[in-house]
Amino acid sequence: MQCGRLGSTARDDERAKRFELALAIVDGLFQLGYPATYYPFANPEVVKSPTNFVDLYPAHLVIKDEAIWRGLKYGGDTFYRWEYVRAWTPVVLWWSAFIGAVGLVMVCLNVLIRKQWTENEKLSYPIVQLPLAMTQHGGTAAFFRHKPLWLGFLFGLGFDLTNGLAYWYPFIPRFVVRHDAPELNLGQYFTTFPWNAIPRGLGMPLYPFIIAIGYFLPLDLSFSIWFFFILKLLMLVGSAALGYQPNQPRNPPFLNEQSWGAWFAIFLYVMWVSRRHLAQVFRRVVGMSRGLDDRGEPMSYRAAVAGIAIGMAFLLWFCVKAGMSLGIAALYFLIVFVLSLAITRVRAELGPPAHEMAGNMNAPTLLYWMFGTTGTGAANLTMMSMLWWLSGRGYRTTPMPCQLEAFKMAEAGRVDMRGMGWVMVLAIFFGAIAVYWSCLHWEYLYGSNQMTMHNRGQFQLLKSRLENPQPTDWVSLRAVGFGLVVTMAMIWARLKFLWWPFHPAGYALAMNFGVDYFWTCLMISTAIKWAVLRYGGHRLNRQVMPLMFGVILGEYAMGAFWSVLSTVTGNRTYDFAPG
C-alpha cells in the first residue's frame, strides 16, 4: 500500500527522524501512555481472527471508521479536518478522563502514605538527592564550590562529548558503554548446552551516570540486584540442563511468577509497617480527636479518601460501560494499585535505576492465570488489551513514584503543599489532552503509528488466548506463591539478623526484565562504595558523593545538548541513556 507516501526515500527518512524526535519530546508531557485507539482495526491478522473479538471494542472509545484512521496510519494527511476533529474529540475526552481518574487515585494514595514514609520512617529518596542537594538552603552556590563536583562534571561532559562527536566522525575513538553494543555482548559467548539458555542479547552495560546513581543506593540493595540477576541466569541454565525450555510459559524457573510473588510480599510488608499510621489517618477521616494533623498535606485526608472513592468509582463505571464485568474490573485495578504502591515504596526507600517489569508482569496475565480464558471472559480480556499502557509492557514510567518524590522535594524545600495534589490531578488531565493533540498532529502528518509500537503484540496475544482456551493455571499461581514465601523469608531474615546481605527488592527487580540495562554498572558502584566505606569511612564518602553528582550532571548536560541539537537539525545524534 503506497497511500500517503511523502516522496523520495531520503526525504521520508528525514521526516521519519523528525517525527521520532517529536514523539520523544511529546512523551515527556505525560507519564502514563497513549491507548491504542485504532490499531486493532488496521491489523489484518487481528481483524480476520475467527474469534471476532474486534467487535467487542466499545465504539465510544475507539476509532473504527477506516476513513478516519487511514491517514493517521499512512501519513501525508492533516489532523485539522472537521471530520477528523469531530470523530476524535469524544474519544480523546473519554480517555483523558480515564487517565485523570488513574492519576487522582495515585495522588490520593500518596497523600495517605506520605507522612509515614517521609517523616516517620525517613526514607532516603535516592532519586531526588541530586536536586535536593542543588537546592539546599534555597539554592545557594555552596553546592557548586566542591572541587570533586567539577571533576565529575568535566568527566561526564567530556565522556558524552567524545562519544557524540564519534557518532558523526567515526575516526574519533569512542567509549563503548551501551547495553546493546555488539562489543559488550556477553551472550554471544554462551553457545554450548546448557549455557546457551543465557539470553543471546546479554550485554555488559558500563554507563558512567548509572554507576554514579548506583553509588547512592544502599550497599545491600545494589549488591542484591546484581547478585539475583546472576542467580537468574544460573537458574535459566539449570532449568535447561534439567530438560526444560526455560523461556517458555509454564516452565521452570518461572521468573515472572517469582517476581509477582516478591512484589506482593513487599506490598504486604509495607502495609504492615504502616498500619499504625493508617489507623491514625482513619481516625482523622472519621473525625476522631486523636487523628493526625493534615493541614500541611497536599490535600486533606478526607479529600484523599473521597478522591480514591470517586476515582475508583469512575474507573469501574468506565470499564463496565466498556463491557467489562464489575468483579474482574475491580480485581484489575486492585492489582494495578497494589503493584504501584510497591514500586513507589521501593523507589522512595532504595531508588533503583529502573523498575521495568516486562513480559507477563501485568494484571491481565495474572487474572488469566487465576481464572483461565473462560473465567476471565472474552469481553474482559479484550478491554484489558486497551489498557496495556497502564498494566502491560512495563512500569518504567508509572507516575506514582514521581508524585511522591515531588512531595518529598516540596517538604525538603519547605514549600507550602496545600492544594498541590489537586494541581497534579489537573496537570495529568490536561497533559493527557495535550499529548493526544500532539500525537494526532504528528501521526496524521508523518504516519507509521510509532506511538503504539509497544502495544502491537498484545492483540496477537489476545487472539491466541481466545482461540486456545485455558483453565486456571495452578502451576503459575504456585510459582507466584513460592516467590511470595521466599521474599517474606528474606524480609524476616533482614529484621532478625543484622548481617543478612540480601535485600528482597533486589530479588523482585532481578527476576524480571530491566536489570539487564545496568547490572554491571551496579557491580562497579557496589565495589567502589564498599571500598570507600571500608578504607576511607564516612569522611571519604562525603568527598566522593559530589564527584558522583558531577558525573550525573555532566552526562545529563551534554546529553541534553545532543537531544536539543537533534531536534533542531532533524538528524540523529548520540543517545547516552539506555532504553
Protein backbone atom coordinates (compact mmCIF):
# COMPACT_ATOMS: atom_id res chain seq x y z
CA MET A 1 0.00 0.00 0.00
CA GLN A 2 1.61 3.26 -1.15
CA CYS A 3 -1.08 5.63 0.11
CA GLY A 4 0.31 8.73 1.75
CA ARG A 5 3.92 8.32 0.66
CA LEU A 6 5.90 11.51 1.20
CA GLY A 7 8.16 11.50 -1.85
CA SER A 8 11.75 10.39 -2.15
CA THR A 9 13.31 7.87 0.22
CA ALA A 10 15.79 10.42 1.57
CA ARG A 11 13.01 12.85 2.37
CA ASP A 12 10.98 10.05 4.00
CA ASP A 13 13.93 9.16 6.21
CA GLU A 14 14.49 12.77 7.23
CA ARG A 15 10.85 13.31 8.14
CA ALA A 16 10.71 9.99 9.97
CA LYS A 17 13.67 11.07 12.08
CA ARG A 18 11.98 14.37 12.90
CA PHE A 19 8.80 12.52 13.73
CA GLU A 20 10.60 10.23 16.18
CA LEU A 21 12.29 13.21 17.79
CA ALA A 22 8.96 14.99 18.18
CA LEU A 23 7.50 11.90 19.80
CA ALA A 24 10.40 11.79 22.23
CA ILE A 25 9.56 15.34 23.31
CA VAL A 26 5.83 14.65 23.49
CA ASP A 27 6.43 11.51 25.55
CA GLY A 28 7.78 13.68 28.33
CA LEU A 29 4.50 15.58 28.71
CA PHE A 30 2.66 12.69 30.32
CA GLN A 31 3.98 9.63 32.06
CA LEU A 32 1.20 7.07 31.68
CA GLY A 33 0.85 6.39 27.98
CA TYR A 34 -1.22 6.52 24.84
CA PRO A 35 -4.04 3.95 24.46
CA ALA A 36 -4.09 2.35 21.00
CA THR A 37 -7.48 3.54 19.81
CA TYR A 38 -7.49 2.25 16.25
CA TYR A 39 -4.68 -0.24 15.71
CA PRO A 40 -6.73 -3.47 16.12
CA PHE A 41 -8.85 -2.46 13.12
CA ALA A 42 -5.78 -1.71 10.99
CA ASN A 43 -4.22 -5.14 11.62
CA PRO A 44 -5.42 -7.70 9.04
CA GLU A 45 -4.36 -10.68 11.19
CA VAL A 46 -6.49 -9.44 14.07
CA VAL A 47 -9.49 -8.44 12.00
CA LYS A 48 -9.58 -11.86 10.30
CA SER A 49 -9.49 -13.69 13.62
CA PRO A 50 -12.26 -16.31 13.89
CA THR A 51 -12.91 -15.17 17.45
CA ASN A 52 -14.38 -11.88 16.16
CA PHE A 53 -13.23 -10.09 19.32
CA VAL A 54 -12.75 -6.85 17.36
CA ASP A 55 -16.49 -6.33 17.66
CA LEU A 56 -16.11 -6.28 21.46
CA TYR A 57 -14.18 -2.98 21.44
CA PRO A 58 -16.59 -0.24 22.60
CA ALA A 59 -17.48 2.23 19.86
CA HIS A 60 -17.15 5.29 22.11
CA LEU A 61 -13.51 4.50 23.00
CA VAL A 62 -12.05 3.59 19.61
CA ILE A 63 -11.95 4.76 16.02
CA LYS A 64 -13.42 2.01 13.85
CA ASP A 65 -14.00 4.10 10.74
CA GLU A 66 -11.17 3.43 8.27
CA ALA A 67 -11.77 6.80 6.65
CA ILE A 68 -10.70 8.41 9.95
CA TRP A 69 -7.67 6.30 10.88
CA ARG A 70 -6.31 5.61 7.40
CA GLY A 71 -4.49 8.95 7.17
CA LEU A 72 -3.17 8.52 10.70
CA LYS A 73 -1.63 5.17 9.79
CA TYR A 74 -0.06 6.11 6.47
CA GLY A 75 0.63 9.83 6.96
CA GLY A 76 0.61 12.54 4.33
CA ASP A 77 -2.55 14.00 5.85
CA THR A 78 -3.56 16.56 8.43
CA PHE A 79 -5.46 16.17 11.67
CA TYR A 80 -7.14 19.55 11.16
CA ARG A 81 -10.11 18.34 9.17
CA TRP A 82 -13.54 18.76 10.66
CA GLU A 83 -14.46 15.09 10.21
CA TYR A 84 -11.26 14.04 12.00
CA VAL A 85 -11.62 16.50 14.87
CA ARG A 86 -15.29 15.60 15.32
CA ALA A 87 -14.52 11.86 15.42
CA TRP A 88 -11.54 12.13 17.76
CA THR A 89 -12.85 14.68 20.28
CA PRO A 90 -15.15 12.36 22.27
CA VAL A 91 -12.59 9.52 22.21
CA VAL A 92 -9.83 11.81 23.49
CA LEU A 93 -12.05 13.23 26.23
CA TRP A 94 -13.10 9.75 27.39
CA TRP A 95 -9.52 8.53 27.64
CA SER A 96 -8.27 11.77 29.18
CA ALA A 97 -10.91 11.44 31.88
CA PHE A 98 -9.81 7.86 32.48
CA ILE A 99 -6.17 8.92 32.73
CA GLY A 100 -7.13 11.74 35.06
CA ALA A 101 -9.00 9.30 37.32
CA VAL A 102 -5.97 6.99 37.47
CA GLY A 103 -3.80 9.98 38.37
CA LEU A 104 -6.33 11.09 41.01
CA VAL A 105 -6.24 7.71 42.77
CA MET A 106 -2.44 7.63 42.70
CA VAL A 107 -2.09 11.17 44.06
CA CYS A 108 -4.56 10.43 46.86
CA LEU A 109 -2.79 7.19 47.81
CA ASN A 110 0.47 9.13 48.00
CA VAL A 111 -1.15 11.72 50.26
CA LEU A 112 -2.24 8.99 52.68
CA ILE A 113 1.21 7.40 53.00
CA ARG A 114 3.47 10.47 52.56
CA LYS A 115 3.89 11.33 56.24
CA GLN A 116 4.63 7.73 57.24
CA TRP A 117 7.31 7.18 54.62
CA THR A 118 8.84 10.67 54.59
CA GLU A 119 8.62 11.86 58.20
CA ASN A 120 8.13 8.76 60.36
CA GLU A 121 10.36 6.24 58.58
CA LYS A 122 12.52 8.96 56.99
CA LEU A 123 13.09 7.10 53.75
CA SER A 124 16.09 8.36 51.80
CA TYR A 125 14.55 9.01 48.33
CA PRO A 126 17.86 8.42 46.49
CA ILE A 127 16.48 9.52 43.10
CA VAL A 128 15.93 13.10 44.29
CA GLN A 129 19.15 13.50 46.28
CA LEU A 130 20.82 15.46 43.48
CA PRO A 131 18.06 18.10 43.02
CA LEU A 132 17.74 18.35 46.82
CA ALA A 133 21.49 18.94 47.16
CA MET A 134 21.42 21.58 44.40
CA THR A 135 18.55 23.50 46.03
CA GLN A 136 19.63 23.13 49.65
CA HIS A 137 19.33 26.36 51.69
CA GLY A 138 17.33 27.98 48.93
CA GLY A 139 19.69 27.10 46.12
CA THR A 140 22.90 28.79 47.29
CA ALA A 141 26.20 28.44 45.45
CA ALA A 142 27.65 26.24 48.22
CA PHE A 143 26.84 23.06 46.31
CA PHE A 144 28.89 24.23 43.32
CA ARG A 145 32.02 25.05 45.35
CA HIS A 146 33.08 21.39 45.71
CA LYS A 147 36.10 20.63 43.53
CA PRO A 148 35.16 16.92 43.19
CA LEU A 149 31.81 18.03 41.73
CA TRP A 150 33.55 19.82 38.87
CA LEU A 151 35.95 16.95 38.29
CA GLY A 152 32.99 14.61 37.91
CA PHE A 153 31.13 17.14 35.78
CA LEU A 154 34.07 17.53 33.38
CA PHE A 155 34.44 13.77 33.17
CA GLY A 156 30.76 13.19 32.35
CA LEU A 157 30.67 16.14 29.95
CA GLY A 158 33.83 15.07 28.15
CA PHE A 159 32.73 11.46 28.01
CA ASP A 160 29.50 12.25 26.17
CA LEU A 161 31.12 14.97 24.07
CA THR A 162 33.65 12.43 22.79
CA ASN A 163 31.00 9.81 22.08
CA GLY A 164 28.75 12.39 20.44
CA LEU A 165 31.49 13.52 18.09
CA ALA A 166 32.45 9.90 17.37
CA TYR A 167 28.83 9.26 16.36
CA TRP A 168 29.28 11.74 13.49
CA TYR A 169 33.01 11.23 12.84
CA PRO A 170 33.87 7.52 13.12
CA PHE A 171 37.63 8.18 13.08
CA ILE A 172 37.32 9.61 16.63
CA PRO A 173 37.76 6.87 19.27
CA ARG A 174 34.62 6.25 21.30
CA PHE A 175 33.87 4.74 24.68
CA VAL A 176 31.63 1.70 24.31
CA VAL A 177 29.13 1.63 27.18
CA ARG A 178 25.69 0.73 25.85
CA HIS A 179 23.95 -2.46 26.91
CA ASP A 180 23.10 -3.25 23.27
CA ALA A 181 26.61 -2.64 21.89
CA PRO A 182 27.88 -5.69 19.93
CA GLU A 183 31.31 -5.24 21.52
CA LEU A 184 29.81 -5.74 25.00
CA ASN A 185 27.51 -8.62 24.12
CA LEU A 186 28.34 -11.40 26.58
CA GLY A 187 25.53 -13.63 25.35
CA GLN A 188 27.38 -14.44 22.13
CA TYR A 189 29.96 -16.44 24.09
CA PHE A 190 27.47 -18.87 25.65
CA THR A 191 26.86 -21.21 22.75
CA THR A 192 27.12 -24.70 24.24
CA PHE A 193 24.36 -26.55 26.06
CA PRO A 194 23.06 -25.75 28.68
CA TRP A 195 24.81 -22.36 28.79
CA ASN A 196 23.03 -21.29 25.62
CA ALA A 197 19.95 -20.78 27.79
CA ILE A 198 21.52 -17.44 28.74
CA PRO A 199 19.94 -14.75 26.50
CA ARG A 200 21.90 -14.05 23.35
CA GLY A 201 21.43 -10.32 23.90
CA LEU A 202 23.02 -10.28 27.37
CA GLY A 203 25.09 -7.10 27.46
CA MET A 204 27.68 -5.65 29.79
CA PRO A 205 26.50 -2.05 30.27
CA LEU A 206 29.05 0.46 31.56
CA TYR A 207 27.10 3.74 31.73
CA PRO A 208 29.03 6.20 33.95
CA PHE A 209 25.91 8.07 35.11
CA ILE A 210 24.27 4.81 36.23
CA ILE A 211 27.44 3.85 38.10
CA ALA A 212 27.18 7.24 39.79
CA ILE A 213 23.47 6.77 40.58
CA GLY A 214 24.21 3.28 41.89
CA TYR A 215 26.68 4.77 44.34
CA PHE A 216 23.79 6.39 46.22
CA LEU A 217 21.92 3.10 46.60
CA PRO A 218 22.22 1.20 49.88
CA LEU A 219 25.00 -1.37 49.56
CA ASP A 220 22.75 -4.32 50.31
CA LEU A 221 20.33 -3.32 47.56
CA SER A 222 22.92 -2.68 44.84
CA PHE A 223 24.62 -5.96 45.74
CA SER A 224 21.30 -7.85 45.82
CA ILE A 225 20.19 -6.56 42.39
CA TRP A 226 23.21 -7.86 40.51
CA PHE A 227 23.55 -10.96 42.71
CA PHE A 228 20.00 -12.08 41.99
CA PHE A 229 20.42 -11.16 38.33
CA ILE A 230 23.35 -13.57 38.07
CA LEU A 231 21.33 -16.12 40.04
CA LYS A 232 18.53 -15.71 37.49
CA LEU A 233 20.95 -16.53 34.66
CA LEU A 234 22.13 -19.62 36.53
CA MET A 235 18.50 -20.64 37.08
CA LEU A 236 17.95 -20.49 33.32
CA VAL A 237 21.00 -22.68 32.76
CA GLY A 238 19.91 -25.15 35.45
CA SER A 239 16.39 -25.36 34.02
CA ALA A 240 17.77 -26.14 30.55
CA ALA A 241 20.13 -28.76 32.00
CA LEU A 242 17.11 -30.50 33.57
CA GLY A 243 15.42 -30.75 30.18
CA TYR A 244 13.03 -27.80 30.38
CA GLN A 245 12.60 -24.89 27.97
CA PRO A 246 13.23 -22.03 30.42
CA ASN A 247 11.96 -19.28 28.11
CA GLN A 248 8.56 -20.89 27.55
CA PRO A 249 5.41 -20.37 29.70
CA ARG A 250 4.70 -22.89 32.45
CA ASN A 251 8.35 -23.96 32.50
CA PRO A 252 10.89 -23.52 35.31
CA PRO A 253 12.37 -21.28 36.61
CA PHE A 254 9.10 -19.23 36.50
CA LEU A 255 10.90 -15.89 36.67
CA ASN A 256 7.90 -13.60 36.12
CA GLU A 257 5.86 -15.58 38.61
CA GLN A 258 8.58 -15.28 41.26
CA SER A 259 8.72 -11.54 40.64
CA TRP A 260 4.94 -11.28 41.08
CA GLY A 261 5.14 -13.01 44.44
CA ALA A 262 8.03 -10.82 45.54
CA TRP A 263 6.18 -7.58 44.78
CA PHE A 264 3.07 -8.82 46.60
CA ALA A 265 5.22 -9.65 49.64
CA ILE A 266 6.78 -6.17 49.58
CA PHE A 267 3.29 -4.63 49.49
CA LEU A 268 2.10 -6.73 52.43
CA TYR A 269 5.18 -5.82 54.47
CA VAL A 270 4.77 -2.12 53.70
CA MET A 271 1.12 -2.17 54.74
CA TRP A 272 2.04 -3.97 57.99
CA VAL A 273 4.73 -1.42 58.83
CA SER A 274 2.34 1.45 58.03
CA ARG A 275 -0.64 0.02 59.91
CA ARG A 276 -0.48 2.42 62.90
CA HIS A 277 -0.16 5.45 60.64
CA LEU A 278 -3.09 4.30 58.52
CA ALA A 279 -5.14 3.78 61.68
CA GLN A 280 -4.43 7.39 62.68
CA VAL A 281 -5.41 8.52 59.19
CA PHE A 282 -8.69 6.64 59.59
CA ARG A 283 -9.35 8.41 62.89
CA ARG A 284 -8.77 11.76 61.24
CA VAL A 285 -11.11 10.91 58.38
CA VAL A 286 -13.97 9.91 60.71
CA GLY A 287 -13.44 12.98 62.90
CA MET A 288 -11.87 11.43 66.00
CA SER A 289 -9.75 13.81 68.07
CA ARG A 290 -6.66 11.58 68.11
CA GLY A 291 -6.26 11.71 64.36
CA LEU A 292 -3.24 13.12 62.55
CA ASP A 293 -2.92 16.80 61.68
CA ASP A 294 -3.23 17.03 57.90
CA ARG A 295 -3.14 20.80 57.45
CA GLY A 296 0.27 20.66 55.79
CA GLU A 297 -0.58 17.83 53.39
CA PRO A 298 -1.11 18.27 49.63
CA MET A 299 -4.80 17.69 50.35
CA SER A 300 -6.73 16.74 53.48
CA TYR A 301 -7.03 13.06 54.37
CA ARG A 302 -10.78 13.25 53.97
CA ALA A 303 -10.36 14.71 50.50
CA ALA A 304 -7.82 11.99 49.67
CA VAL A 305 -10.17 9.21 50.75
CA ALA A 306 -13.01 10.84 48.85
CA GLY A 307 -10.74 11.18 45.81
CA ILE A 308 -9.88 7.48 45.92
CA ALA A 309 -13.56 6.58 46.21
CA ILE A 310 -14.63 8.89 43.38
CA GLY A 311 -11.69 7.92 41.17
CA MET A 312 -12.25 4.19 41.65
CA ALA A 313 -16.00 4.56 41.10
CA PHE A 314 -15.36 6.34 37.80
CA LEU A 315 -12.74 3.78 36.68
CA LEU A 316 -15.10 0.88 37.44
CA TRP A 317 -18.04 2.60 35.73
CA PHE A 318 -15.82 3.37 32.73
CA CYS A 319 -14.81 -0.28 32.37
CA VAL A 320 -18.29 -1.70 32.98
CA LYS A 321 -19.68 0.68 30.36
CA ALA A 322 -16.96 -0.61 28.02
CA GLY A 323 -18.11 -4.21 28.52
CA MET A 324 -16.06 -5.49 31.45
CA SER A 325 -17.65 -7.28 34.39
CA LEU A 326 -17.57 -5.41 37.69
CA GLY A 327 -15.69 -8.16 39.56
CA ILE A 328 -12.90 -8.51 37.01
CA ALA A 329 -12.56 -4.73 36.68
CA ALA A 330 -12.28 -4.39 40.48
CA LEU A 331 -9.58 -7.09 40.64
CA TYR A 332 -7.76 -5.49 37.73
CA PHE A 333 -7.44 -2.12 39.45
CA LEU A 334 -6.65 -3.73 42.79
CA ILE A 335 -3.65 -5.45 41.17
CA VAL A 336 -2.60 -2.24 39.39
CA PHE A 337 -2.59 -0.10 42.52
CA VAL A 338 -1.04 -2.78 44.74
CA LEU A 339 1.87 -3.04 42.34
CA SER A 340 2.07 0.75 42.00
CA LEU A 341 2.31 1.16 45.78
CA ALA A 342 5.03 -1.48 46.00
CA ILE A 343 7.05 0.19 43.23
CA THR A 344 6.61 3.59 44.86
CA ARG A 345 7.88 2.23 48.18
CA VAL A 346 10.97 0.70 46.58
CA ARG A 347 11.71 3.95 44.72
CA ALA A 348 11.30 6.03 47.89
CA GLU A 349 13.39 3.76 50.09
CA LEU A 350 16.04 2.49 47.71
CA GLY A 351 15.94 4.34 44.37
CA PRO A 352 16.85 1.62 41.85
CA PRO A 353 17.92 2.99 38.43
CA ALA A 354 14.94 1.25 36.78
CA HIS A 355 11.92 -0.83 37.73
CA GLU A 356 10.69 -2.16 34.44
CA MET A 357 8.62 -5.36 34.61
CA ALA A 358 8.05 -6.55 31.07
CA GLY A 359 6.73 -9.90 29.82
CA ASN A 360 3.94 -11.29 31.98
CA MET A 361 4.13 -8.75 34.81
CA ASN A 362 0.69 -7.29 34.18
CA ALA A 363 -2.79 -7.54 35.61
CA PRO A 364 -4.39 -9.28 32.57
CA THR A 365 -1.87 -12.13 32.73
CA LEU A 366 -2.38 -12.63 36.46
CA LEU A 367 -6.16 -12.69 36.00
CA TYR A 368 -5.68 -15.12 33.11
CA TRP A 369 -3.69 -17.41 35.42
CA MET A 370 -6.33 -17.11 38.15
CA PHE A 371 -9.49 -17.70 36.12
CA GLY A 372 -8.40 -19.03 32.74
CA THR A 373 -9.91 -17.86 29.47
CA THR A 374 -13.49 -18.79 30.28
CA GLY A 375 -13.45 -17.43 33.82
CA THR A 376 -11.95 -14.11 32.76
CA GLY A 377 -14.17 -13.76 29.70
CA ALA A 378 -13.56 -12.57 26.17
CA ALA A 379 -15.03 -9.11 26.80
CA ASN A 380 -12.75 -8.54 29.81
CA LEU A 381 -9.63 -9.78 28.03
CA THR A 382 -10.46 -7.61 25.01
CA MET A 383 -10.97 -4.43 27.01
CA MET A 384 -7.82 -5.03 29.06
CA SER A 385 -5.80 -5.09 25.84
CA MET A 386 -6.63 -1.38 25.53
CA LEU A 387 -5.14 -0.80 28.98
CA TRP A 388 -1.76 -2.29 28.07
CA TRP A 389 -0.14 1.10 28.62
CA LEU A 390 -1.32 1.08 32.26
CA SER A 391 -0.59 -2.54 33.18
CA GLY A 392 1.10 -4.26 30.30
CA ARG A 393 4.53 -3.97 28.85
CA GLY A 394 6.29 -2.44 31.83
CA TYR A 395 6.16 0.11 34.62
CA ARG A 396 9.17 2.25 33.81
CA THR A 397 7.02 5.39 33.50
CA THR A 398 4.44 4.84 36.22
CA PRO A 399 3.79 8.33 37.64
CA MET A 400 3.09 7.36 41.25
CA PRO A 401 6.75 7.35 42.43
CA CYS A 402 7.30 10.70 40.68
CA GLN A 403 4.35 12.21 42.54
CA LEU A 404 5.67 11.12 45.94
CA GLU A 405 9.16 12.35 45.08
CA ALA A 406 7.66 15.73 44.19
CA PHE A 407 6.03 15.80 47.64
CA LYS A 408 9.41 14.95 49.18
CA MET A 409 11.15 17.80 47.37
CA ALA A 410 8.38 20.19 48.40
CA GLU A 411 8.70 19.08 52.03
CA ALA A 412 12.50 19.38 51.99
CA GLY A 413 12.25 22.83 50.41
CA ARG A 414 9.65 23.91 52.99
CA VAL A 415 7.15 24.62 50.24
CA ASP A 416 3.51 25.01 51.26
CA MET A 417 1.99 21.82 49.83
CA ARG A 418 -1.65 22.69 50.42
CA GLY A 419 -3.52 22.20 47.16
CA MET A 420 -0.54 20.61 45.45
CA GLY A 421 -2.41 17.31 44.99
CA TRP A 422 -5.26 18.95 43.08
CA VAL A 423 -2.80 20.80 40.87
CA MET A 424 -1.20 17.46 39.97
CA VAL A 425 -4.54 15.93 39.05
CA LEU A 426 -5.42 18.87 36.78
CA ALA A 427 -1.97 18.69 35.18
CA ILE A 428 -2.46 14.99 34.44
CA PHE A 429 -5.85 15.55 32.80
CA PHE A 430 -4.75 18.48 30.64
CA GLY A 431 -1.43 16.81 29.97
CA ALA A 432 -3.28 13.81 28.54
CA ILE A 433 -5.25 16.07 26.19
CA ALA A 434 -2.03 17.83 25.13
CA VAL A 435 -0.30 14.54 24.36
CA TYR A 436 -3.25 13.28 22.32
CA TRP A 437 -3.33 16.52 20.35
CA SER A 438 0.41 16.42 19.71
CA CYS A 439 0.44 12.76 18.71
CA LEU A 440 -2.53 13.10 16.37
CA HIS A 441 -0.94 16.15 14.77
CA TRP A 442 2.34 14.35 14.06
CA GLU A 443 0.89 10.98 13.13
CA TYR A 444 -1.53 12.34 10.56
CA LEU A 445 1.41 14.26 9.13
CA TYR A 446 4.04 11.50 9.10
CA GLY A 447 2.13 8.27 9.71
CA SER A 448 3.67 4.96 10.84
CA ASN A 449 1.90 4.98 14.23
CA GLN A 450 5.13 4.92 16.19
CA MET A 451 3.35 5.61 19.47
CA THR A 452 1.76 2.16 19.56
CA MET A 453 4.84 0.11 18.68
CA HIS A 454 4.91 -1.39 22.18
CA ASN A 455 1.18 -2.14 22.04
CA ARG A 456 1.05 -4.20 18.89
CA GLY A 457 1.98 -7.63 20.23
CA GLN A 458 -0.87 -7.59 22.72
CA PHE A 459 -3.52 -8.09 20.04
CA GLN A 460 -1.88 -11.25 18.72
CA LEU A 461 -1.57 -12.42 22.33
CA LEU A 462 -5.28 -11.75 22.89
CA LYS A 463 -6.12 -13.58 19.68
CA SER A 464 -4.05 -16.58 20.78
CA ARG A 465 -5.65 -16.73 24.23
CA LEU A 466 -9.18 -16.58 22.88
CA GLU A 467 -8.53 -19.18 20.17
CA ASN A 468 -6.79 -21.54 22.61
CA PRO A 469 -8.90 -21.52 25.81
CA GLN A 470 -7.04 -22.44 29.01
CA PRO A 471 -8.25 -23.26 32.53
CA THR A 472 -6.83 -21.81 35.74
CA ASP A 473 -3.03 -22.02 35.65
CA TRP A 474 -2.26 -23.56 39.02
CA VAL A 475 1.38 -24.11 38.10
CA SER A 476 1.98 -20.40 37.61
CA LEU A 477 -0.02 -19.48 40.71
CA ARG A 478 2.03 -21.86 42.84
CA ALA A 479 5.17 -20.22 41.47
CA VAL A 480 3.75 -16.83 42.50
CA GLY A 481 3.21 -18.24 45.98
CA PHE A 482 6.80 -19.52 46.01
CA GLY A 483 8.11 -16.03 45.20
CA LEU A 484 5.95 -14.56 47.96
CA VAL A 485 7.22 -17.06 50.55
CA VAL A 486 10.86 -16.57 49.56
CA THR A 487 10.52 -12.79 49.82
CA MET A 488 8.76 -12.94 53.18
CA ALA A 489 11.57 -15.18 54.43
CA MET A 490 14.14 -12.61 53.28
CA ILE A 491 12.20 -9.81 54.99
CA TRP A 492 12.14 -11.84 58.21
CA ALA A 493 15.89 -12.52 57.92
CA ARG A 494 16.62 -8.80 57.44
CA LEU A 495 14.68 -7.99 60.59
CA LYS A 496 16.25 -10.83 62.57
CA PHE A 497 19.91 -10.75 61.50
CA LEU A 498 21.89 -7.53 61.07
CA TRP A 499 24.44 -9.33 58.89
CA TRP A 500 21.86 -10.52 56.33
CA PRO A 501 23.14 -9.22 52.94
CA PHE A 502 20.18 -9.92 50.64
CA HIS A 503 17.51 -7.30 50.03
CA PRO A 504 14.07 -8.58 48.91
CA ALA A 505 13.66 -5.66 46.48
CA GLY A 506 16.74 -6.88 44.62
CA TYR A 507 15.06 -10.26 44.18
CA ALA A 508 11.82 -8.66 42.98
CA LEU A 509 13.62 -6.47 40.44
CA ALA A 510 16.14 -9.01 39.13
CA MET A 511 13.70 -11.84 38.44
CA ASN A 512 12.14 -9.77 35.67
CA PHE A 513 13.45 -7.64 32.82
CA GLY A 514 15.09 -4.23 33.26
CA VAL A 515 18.17 -5.03 35.32
CA ASP A 516 19.73 -6.15 32.02
CA TYR A 517 20.23 -2.45 31.29
CA PHE A 518 22.51 -1.74 34.25
CA TRP A 519 23.58 -4.87 36.18
CA THR A 520 27.33 -4.48 35.58
CA CYS A 521 27.08 -0.77 36.42
CA LEU A 522 25.83 -1.75 39.87
CA MET A 523 28.65 -4.28 40.28
CA ILE A 524 31.11 -1.42 39.76
CA SER A 525 29.27 1.03 42.02
CA THR A 526 28.96 -1.62 44.74
CA ALA A 527 32.71 -2.25 44.63
CA ILE A 528 33.51 1.49 44.70
CA LYS A 529 31.19 2.23 47.60
CA TRP A 530 32.36 -0.79 49.60
CA ALA A 531 36.00 0.23 49.15
CA VAL A 532 35.26 3.86 50.06
CA LEU A 533 33.41 2.93 53.26
CA ARG A 534 35.87 0.17 54.16
CA TYR A 535 39.07 2.16 53.76
CA GLY A 536 38.00 5.81 53.95
CA GLY A 537 34.90 5.76 56.10
CA HIS A 538 32.16 8.35 56.01
CA ARG A 539 34.64 11.20 55.60
CA LEU A 540 35.83 9.88 52.24
CA ASN A 541 32.24 9.01 51.33
CA ARG A 542 31.22 12.66 51.77
CA GLN A 543 34.02 13.65 49.38
CA VAL A 544 33.09 11.04 46.77
CA MET A 545 29.40 11.97 46.73
CA PRO A 546 29.95 15.37 44.99
CA LEU A 547 32.14 13.57 42.43
CA MET A 548 29.26 11.23 41.59
CA PHE A 549 26.82 14.15 41.48
CA GLY A 550 29.15 15.78 38.97
CA VAL A 551 29.27 12.73 36.72
CA ILE A 552 25.46 12.64 36.61
CA LEU A 553 25.20 16.37 35.92
CA GLY A 554 27.90 16.28 33.26
CA GLU A 555 26.33 13.44 31.31
CA TYR A 556 22.84 14.89 31.56
CA ALA A 557 24.03 18.34 30.48
CA MET A 558 25.82 17.03 27.40
CA GLY A 559 23.06 14.50 26.74
CA ALA A 560 20.52 17.35 26.78
CA PHE A 561 22.69 19.29 24.34
CA TRP A 562 22.76 16.38 21.87
CA SER A 563 18.98 15.98 22.20
CA VAL A 564 18.32 19.66 21.51
CA LEU A 565 20.73 19.61 18.58
CA SER A 566 18.98 16.53 17.21
CA THR A 567 15.62 18.29 17.40
CA VAL A 568 16.89 21.45 15.75
CA THR A 569 18.77 19.77 12.91
CA GLY A 570 16.40 16.84 12.36
CA ASN A 571 19.35 14.41 12.49
CA ARG A 572 20.03 11.61 14.92
CA THR A 573 22.73 12.25 17.48
CA TYR A 574 24.38 10.30 20.27
CA ASP A 575 21.98 8.79 22.81
CA PHE A 576 23.76 8.43 26.14
CA ALA A 577 20.93 6.73 28.05
CA PRO A 578 19.61 3.15 27.84
CA GLY A 579 16.10 2.07 26.94
